[in-house]
């Protein structure tokens, strides 16, 4: 298989199509993305029988919706993430403490190694990430940069582990957003 293989176009896939996976590792930059951006896919993989685990690289303290001090938000966001994970059927959640909005300043090799350890720990046979073009539209460049760094580090870790990556991507259609899946390895 080539290092970048696209899934069949949405129009040629049967309804309900998902790649087969026994253990899916979801990798996101900040709490909330597992639900808002990937919740439907996480739920679908769980319904298909896959074990789903989650690695969130930040505590979400840089949210633009923060009306409290960052320290309080930093404590609340991982708790919210645990609640959402329970509802979605995610079996294990790991929250790293990289700075939210600052993943672009971290060495990609370090992030990739962190993701690689999670792949090995959970015996993941599929990674699920957010395509940076489909991530949070918060108006903050740092959030989009974090999504791009996570996707790049996850792809590097997956390539070393010979694990495919599925990225949720969005197409802009006049007057609405439609979702499409991209798969790479």
C-alpha atoms as a PDB file:
ATOM      1  CA  UNK A   1       0.000   0.000   0.000  1.00  0.00           C
ATOM      2  CA  UNK A   2       1.337   3.440  -0.819  1.00  0.00           C
ATOM      3  CA  UNK A   3       2.083   5.941   1.935  1.00  0.00           C
ATOM      4  CA  UNK A   4      -0.956   7.995   0.965  1.00  0.00           C
ATOM      5  CA  UNK A   5      -3.984   6.073  -0.192  1.00  0.00           C
ATOM      6  CA  UNK A   6      -7.364   7.750  -0.439  1.00  0.00           C
ATOM      7  CA  UNK A   7     -10.551   5.992   0.533  1.00  0.00           C
ATOM      8  CA  UNK A   8     -13.050   5.358  -2.223  1.00  0.00           C
ATOM      9  CA  UNK A   9     -15.087   8.442  -3.081  1.00  0.00           C
ATOM     10  CA  UNK A  10     -18.186   8.756  -0.907  1.00  0.00           C
ATOM     11  CA  UNK A  11     -20.438   8.121  -3.890  1.00  0.00           C
ATOM     12  CA  UNK A  12     -18.942   4.646  -4.511  1.00  0.00           C
ATOM     13  CA  UNK A  13     -18.874   3.400  -0.899  1.00  0.00           C
ATOM     14  CA  UNK A  14     -21.803   1.469   0.507  1.00  0.00           C
ATOM     15  CA  UNK A  15     -23.769   3.225   3.229  1.00  0.00           C
ATOM     16  CA  UNK A  16     -22.228   2.651   6.643  1.00  0.00           C
ATOM     17  CA  UNK A  17     -18.745   1.977   5.269  1.00  0.00           C
ATOM     18  CA  UNK A  18     -15.955   1.929   7.851  1.00  0.00           C
ATOM     19  CA  UNK A  19     -12.513   0.395   7.648  1.00  0.00           C
ATOM     20  CA  UNK A  20     -12.212  -2.771   9.726  1.00  0.00           C
ATOM     21  CA  UNK A  21     -10.469  -2.146  13.030  1.00  0.00           C
ATOM     22  CA  UNK A  22     -10.273  -3.991  16.313  1.00  0.00           C
ATOM     23  CA  UNK A  23      -8.508  -1.232  18.227  1.00  0.00           C
ATOM     24  CA  UNK A  24      -8.855   2.437  17.251  1.00  0.00           C
ATOM     25  CA  UNK A  25      -6.658   5.136  18.781  1.00  0.00           C
ATOM     26  CA  UNK A  26      -8.187   8.602  18.521  1.00  0.00           C
ATOM     27  CA  UNK A  27      -5.577  11.394  18.652  1.00  0.00           C
ATOM     28  CA  UNK A  28      -6.743  14.978  19.160  1.00  0.00           C
ATOM     29  CA  UNK A  29      -5.158  18.287  20.084  1.00  0.00           C
ATOM     30  CA  UNK A  30      -7.706  19.437  22.682  1.00  0.00           C
ATOM     31  CA  UNK A  31     -10.736  18.254  24.654  1.00  0.00           C
ATOM     32  CA  UNK A  32     -13.998  18.626  22.784  1.00  0.00           C
ATOM     33  CA  UNK A  33     -12.673  17.467  19.428  1.00  0.00           C
ATOM     34  CA  UNK A  34     -13.419  13.830  20.276  1.00  0.00           C
ATOM     35  CA  UNK A  35     -17.111  14.786  20.434  1.00  0.00           C
ATOM     36  CA  UNK A  36     -17.605  17.750  18.106  1.00  0.00           C
ATOM     37  CA  UNK A  37     -15.356  16.602  15.277  1.00  0.00           C
ATOM     38  CA  UNK A  38     -15.067  12.827  15.696  1.00  0.00           C
ATOM     39  CA  UNK A  39     -18.024  11.765  17.848  1.00  0.00           C
ATOM     40  CA  UNK A  40     -19.996  10.189  15.025  1.00  0.00           C
ATOM     41  CA  UNK A  41     -17.038   8.151  13.823  1.00  0.00           C
ATOM     42  CA  UNK A  42     -16.084   7.118  17.361  1.00  0.00           C
ATOM     43  CA  UNK A  43     -19.649   5.955  17.941  1.00  0.00           C
ATOM     44  CA  UNK A  44     -19.687   4.068  14.626  1.00  0.00           C
ATOM     45  CA  UNK A  45     -16.442   2.251  15.415  1.00  0.00           C
ATOM     46  CA  UNK A  46     -17.768   1.306  18.861  1.00  0.00           C
ATOM     47  CA  UNK A  47     -21.007   0.006  17.292  1.00  0.00           C
ATOM     48  CA  UNK A  48     -18.893  -2.032  14.868  1.00  0.00           C
ATOM     49  CA  UNK A  49     -17.165  -3.678  17.854  1.00  0.00           C
ATOM     50  CA  UNK A  50     -13.842  -1.829  17.938  1.00  0.00           C
ATOM     51  CA  UNK A  51     -12.171  -0.915  21.209  1.00  0.00           C
ATOM     52  CA  UNK A  52     -11.625   2.859  21.119  1.00  0.00           C
ATOM     53  CA  UNK A  53      -9.005   4.684  23.173  1.00  0.00           C
ATOM     54  CA  UNK A  54      -8.136   8.382  23.173  1.00  0.00           C
ATOM     55  CA  UNK A  55      -4.949  10.431  23.412  1.00  0.00           C
ATOM     56  CA  UNK A  56      -5.560  14.153  23.901  1.00  0.00           C
ATOM     57  CA  UNK A  57      -2.304  16.095  23.703  1.00  0.00           C
ATOM     58  CA  UNK A  58      -3.385  19.220  25.635  1.00  0.00           C
ATOM     59  CA  UNK A  59      -5.688  20.084  28.511  1.00  0.00           C
ATOM     60  CA  UNK A  60      -7.649  22.630  26.454  1.00  0.00           C
ATOM     61  CA  UNK A  61      -6.723  25.637  28.545  1.00  0.00           C
ATOM     62  CA  UNK A  62      -6.510  28.052  25.597  1.00  0.00           C
ATOM     63  CA  UNK A  63     -10.166  27.785  24.588  1.00  0.00           C
ATOM     64  CA  UNK A  64     -11.543  30.979  23.026  1.00  0.00           C
ATOM     65  CA  UNK A  65     -14.734  30.216  24.956  1.00  0.00           C
ATOM     66  CA  UNK A  66     -12.888  30.597  28.243  1.00  0.00           C
ATOM     67  CA  UNK A  67     -14.737  32.995  30.495  1.00  0.00           C
ATOM     68  CA  UNK A  68     -12.768  31.875  33.544  1.00  0.00           C
ATOM     69  CA  UNK A  69      -9.099  31.874  34.332  1.00  0.00           C
ATOM     70  CA  UNK A  70      -7.013  29.391  32.334  1.00  0.00           C
ATOM     71  CA  UNK A  71      -6.021  27.427  35.452  1.00  0.00           C
ATOM     72  CA  UNK A  72      -9.669  26.635  36.231  1.00  0.00           C
ATOM     73  CA  UNK A  73     -10.406  25.731  32.633  1.00  0.00           C
ATOM     74  CA  UNK A  74      -7.322  23.515  32.552  1.00  0.00           C
ATOM     75  CA  UNK A  75      -8.825  21.492  35.410  1.00  0.00           C
ATOM     76  CA  UNK A  76     -12.385  21.390  34.013  1.00  0.00           C
ATOM     77  CA  UNK A  77     -11.682  20.414  30.390  1.00  0.00           C
ATOM     78  CA  UNK A  78     -10.104  16.976  31.122  1.00  0.00           C
ATOM     79  CA  UNK A  79     -13.040  16.192  33.427  1.00  0.00           C
ATOM     80  CA  UNK A  80     -15.477  17.110  30.625  1.00  0.00           C
ATOM     81  CA  UNK A  81     -13.421  14.911  28.307  1.00  0.00           C
ATOM     82  CA  UNK A  82     -13.802  11.932  30.661  1.00  0.00           C
ATOM     83  CA  UNK A  83     -17.588  12.432  30.733  1.00  0.00           C
ATOM     84  CA  UNK A  84     -17.791  12.630  26.938  1.00  0.00           C
ATOM     85  CA  UNK A  85     -15.571   9.551  26.593  1.00  0.00           C
ATOM     86  CA  UNK A  86     -17.923   7.585  28.812  1.00  0.00           C
ATOM     87  CA  UNK A  87     -20.912   8.540  26.688  1.00  0.00           C
ATOM     88  CA  UNK A  88     -19.068   7.710  23.453  1.00  0.00           C
ATOM     89  CA  UNK A  89     -17.831   4.349  24.772  1.00  0.00           C
ATOM     90  CA  UNK A  90     -14.141   5.228  24.770  1.00  0.00           C
ATOM     91  CA  UNK A  91     -12.453   2.671  27.025  1.00  0.00           C
ATOM     92  CA  UNK A  92      -9.412   4.677  28.091  1.00  0.00           C
ATOM     93  CA  UNK A  93      -8.460   8.360  27.980  1.00  0.00           C
ATOM     94  CA  UNK A  94      -4.956   9.781  28.288  1.00  0.00           C
ATOM     95  CA  UNK A  95      -4.525  13.538  28.582  1.00  0.00           C
ATOM     96  CA  UNK A  96      -1.009  14.885  28.035  1.00  0.00           C
ATOM     97  CA  UNK A  97       0.017  18.300  29.292  1.00  0.00           C
ATOM     98  CA  UNK A  98       1.444  19.981  26.226  1.00  0.00           C
ATOM     99  CA  UNK A  99       0.457  23.668  25.997  1.00  0.00           C
ATOM    100  CA  UNK A 100      -2.851  24.238  24.199  1.00  0.00           C
ATOM    101  CA  UNK A 101      -2.206  26.525  21.250  1.00  0.00           C
ATOM    102  CA  UNK A 102       1.505  25.728  21.509  1.00  0.00           C
ATOM    103  CA  UNK A 103       1.890  22.319  19.883  1.00  0.00           C
ATOM    104  CA  UNK A 104       3.637  23.999  16.958  1.00  0.00           C
ATOM    105  CA  UNK A 105       6.489  24.853  19.314  1.00  0.00           C
ATOM    106  CA  UNK A 106       6.992  21.219  20.360  1.00  0.00           C
ATOM    107  CA  UNK A 107       9.449  19.028  18.450  1.00  0.00           C
ATOM    108  CA  UNK A 108       7.409  16.898  16.066  1.00  0.00           C
ATOM    109  CA  UNK A 109       9.638  13.914  16.843  1.00  0.00           C
ATOM    110  CA  UNK A 110       8.641  14.167  20.527  1.00  0.00           C
ATOM    111  CA  UNK A 111       4.922  14.311  19.715  1.00  0.00           C
ATOM    112  CA  UNK A 112       5.275  11.465  17.228  1.00  0.00           C
ATOM    113  CA  UNK A 113       7.077   9.321  19.813  1.00  0.00           C
ATOM    114  CA  UNK A 114       4.320  10.061  22.366  1.00  0.00           C
ATOM    115  CA  UNK A 115       1.708   8.923  19.841  1.00  0.00           C
ATOM    116  CA  UNK A 116       3.840   5.881  18.938  1.00  0.00           C
ATOM    117  CA  UNK A 117       3.903   4.816  22.606  1.00  0.00           C
ATOM    118  CA  UNK A 118       0.102   5.047  22.687  1.00  0.00           C
ATOM    119  CA  UNK A 119      -0.145   2.942  19.506  1.00  0.00           C
ATOM    120  CA  UNK A 120       1.970   0.230  21.139  1.00  0.00           C
ATOM    121  CA  UNK A 121       0.248   0.493  24.542  1.00  0.00           C
ATOM    122  CA  UNK A 122      -3.223   0.009  23.052  1.00  0.00           C
ATOM    123  CA  UNK A 123      -2.191  -2.304  20.178  1.00  0.00           C
ATOM    124  CA  UNK A 124      -4.004   0.094  17.852  1.00  0.00           C
ATOM    125  CA  UNK A 125      -4.615  -1.109  14.325  1.00  0.00           C
ATOM    126  CA  UNK A 126      -6.107   2.239  13.174  1.00  0.00           C
ATOM    127  CA  UNK A 127      -5.511   5.885  14.094  1.00  0.00           C
ATOM    128  CA  UNK A 128      -8.347   8.399  13.870  1.00  0.00           C
ATOM    129  CA  UNK A 129      -7.399  12.089  13.596  1.00  0.00           C
ATOM    130  CA  UNK A 130      -8.833  15.358  12.354  1.00  0.00           C
ATOM    131  CA  UNK A 131      -7.702  16.666   8.995  1.00  0.00           C
ATOM    132  CA  UNK A 132      -6.348  20.149   9.825  1.00  0.00           C
ATOM    133  CA  UNK A 133      -8.615  21.673   7.176  1.00  0.00           C
ATOM    134  CA  UNK A 134     -11.640  20.270   9.052  1.00  0.00           C
ATOM    135  CA  UNK A 135     -10.628  21.142  12.609  1.00  0.00           C
ATOM    136  CA  UNK A 136     -11.897  23.796  14.969  1.00  0.00           C
ATOM    137  CA  UNK A 137     -12.889  26.975  13.185  1.00  0.00           C
ATOM    138  CA  UNK A 138     -12.251  29.193  16.177  1.00  0.00           C
ATOM    139  CA  UNK A 139     -10.652  32.019  14.275  1.00  0.00           C
ATOM    140  CA  UNK A 140      -7.421  31.305  16.125  1.00  0.00           C
ATOM    141  CA  UNK A 141      -4.459  30.323  14.002  1.00  0.00           C
ATOM    142  CA  UNK A 142      -2.879  28.426  16.909  1.00  0.00           C
ATOM    143  CA  UNK A 143      -5.796  25.961  17.041  1.00  0.00           C
ATOM    144  CA  UNK A 144      -5.484  25.172  13.335  1.00  0.00           C
ATOM    145  CA  UNK A 145      -1.693  24.888  13.688  1.00  0.00           C
ATOM    146  CA  UNK A 146      -2.165  22.470  16.612  1.00  0.00           C
ATOM    147  CA  UNK A 147      -4.456  20.319  14.444  1.00  0.00           C
ATOM    148  CA  UNK A 148      -1.873  20.278  11.641  1.00  0.00           C
ATOM    149  CA  UNK A 149       0.927  19.328  14.038  1.00  0.00           C
ATOM    150  CA  UNK A 150      -1.162  16.523  15.559  1.00  0.00           C
ATOM    151  CA  UNK A 151      -2.068  15.146  12.120  1.00  0.00           C
ATOM    152  CA  UNK A 152       1.549  15.246  10.954  1.00  0.00           C
ATOM    153  CA  UNK A 153       2.937  13.653  14.129  1.00  0.00           C
ATOM    154  CA  UNK A 154       0.205  10.984  14.073  1.00  0.00           C
ATOM    155  CA  UNK A 155       0.953  10.128  10.437  1.00  0.00           C
ATOM    156  CA  UNK A 156       4.682   9.820  11.220  1.00  0.00           C
ATOM    157  CA  UNK A 157       4.002   7.550  14.209  1.00  0.00           C
ATOM    158  CA  UNK A 158       1.529   5.473  12.219  1.00  0.00           C
ATOM    159  CA  UNK A 159       3.988   5.031   9.358  1.00  0.00           C
ATOM    160  CA  UNK A 160       6.640   3.739  11.773  1.00  0.00           C
ATOM    161  CA  UNK A 161       4.109   1.326  13.321  1.00  0.00           C
ATOM    162  CA  UNK A 162       2.625   0.325   9.943  1.00  0.00           C
ATOM    163  CA  UNK A 163      -0.840   1.407  11.095  1.00  0.00           C
ATOM    164  CA  UNK A 164      -3.314   3.188   8.787  1.00  0.00           C
ATOM    165  CA  UNK A 165      -4.648   6.650   9.596  1.00  0.00           C
ATOM    166  CA  UNK A 166      -8.215   7.776   8.987  1.00  0.00           C
ATOM    167  CA  UNK A 167      -8.729  11.538   8.963  1.00  0.00           C
ATOM    168  CA  UNK A 168     -12.085  13.253   9.220  1.00  0.00           C
ATOM    169  CA  UNK A 169     -12.178  15.912   6.552  1.00  0.00           C
ATOM    170  CA  UNK A 170     -14.792  18.448   5.545  1.00  0.00           C
ATOM    171  CA  UNK A 171     -15.796  19.642   2.123  1.00  0.00           C
ATOM    172  CA  UNK A 172     -17.424  22.996   1.811  1.00  0.00           C
ATOM    173  CA  UNK A 173     -20.593  22.717  -0.229  1.00  0.00           C
ATOM    174  CA  UNK A 174     -22.582  25.860  -1.031  1.00  0.00           C
ATOM    175  CA  UNK A 175     -24.627  26.784   2.053  1.00  0.00           C
ATOM    176  CA  UNK A 176     -23.651  23.691   4.046  1.00  0.00           C
ATOM    177  CA  UNK A 177     -20.790  21.497   5.189  1.00  0.00           C
ATOM    178  CA  UNK A 178     -20.648  17.824   4.247  1.00  0.00           C
ATOM    179  CA  UNK A 179     -18.309  15.275   5.753  1.00  0.00           C
ATOM    180  CA  UNK A 180     -16.009  12.981   3.828  1.00  0.00           C
ATOM    181  CA  UNK A 181     -13.441  10.470   5.043  1.00  0.00           C
ATOM    182  CA  UNK A 182      -9.848  10.468   3.905  1.00  0.00           C
ATOM    183  CA  UNK A 183      -7.619   7.497   4.616  1.00  0.00           C
ATOM    184  CA  UNK A 184      -3.859   7.488   4.432  1.00  0.00           C
ATOM    185  CA  UNK A 185      -1.135   5.133   5.491  1.00  0.00           C
END
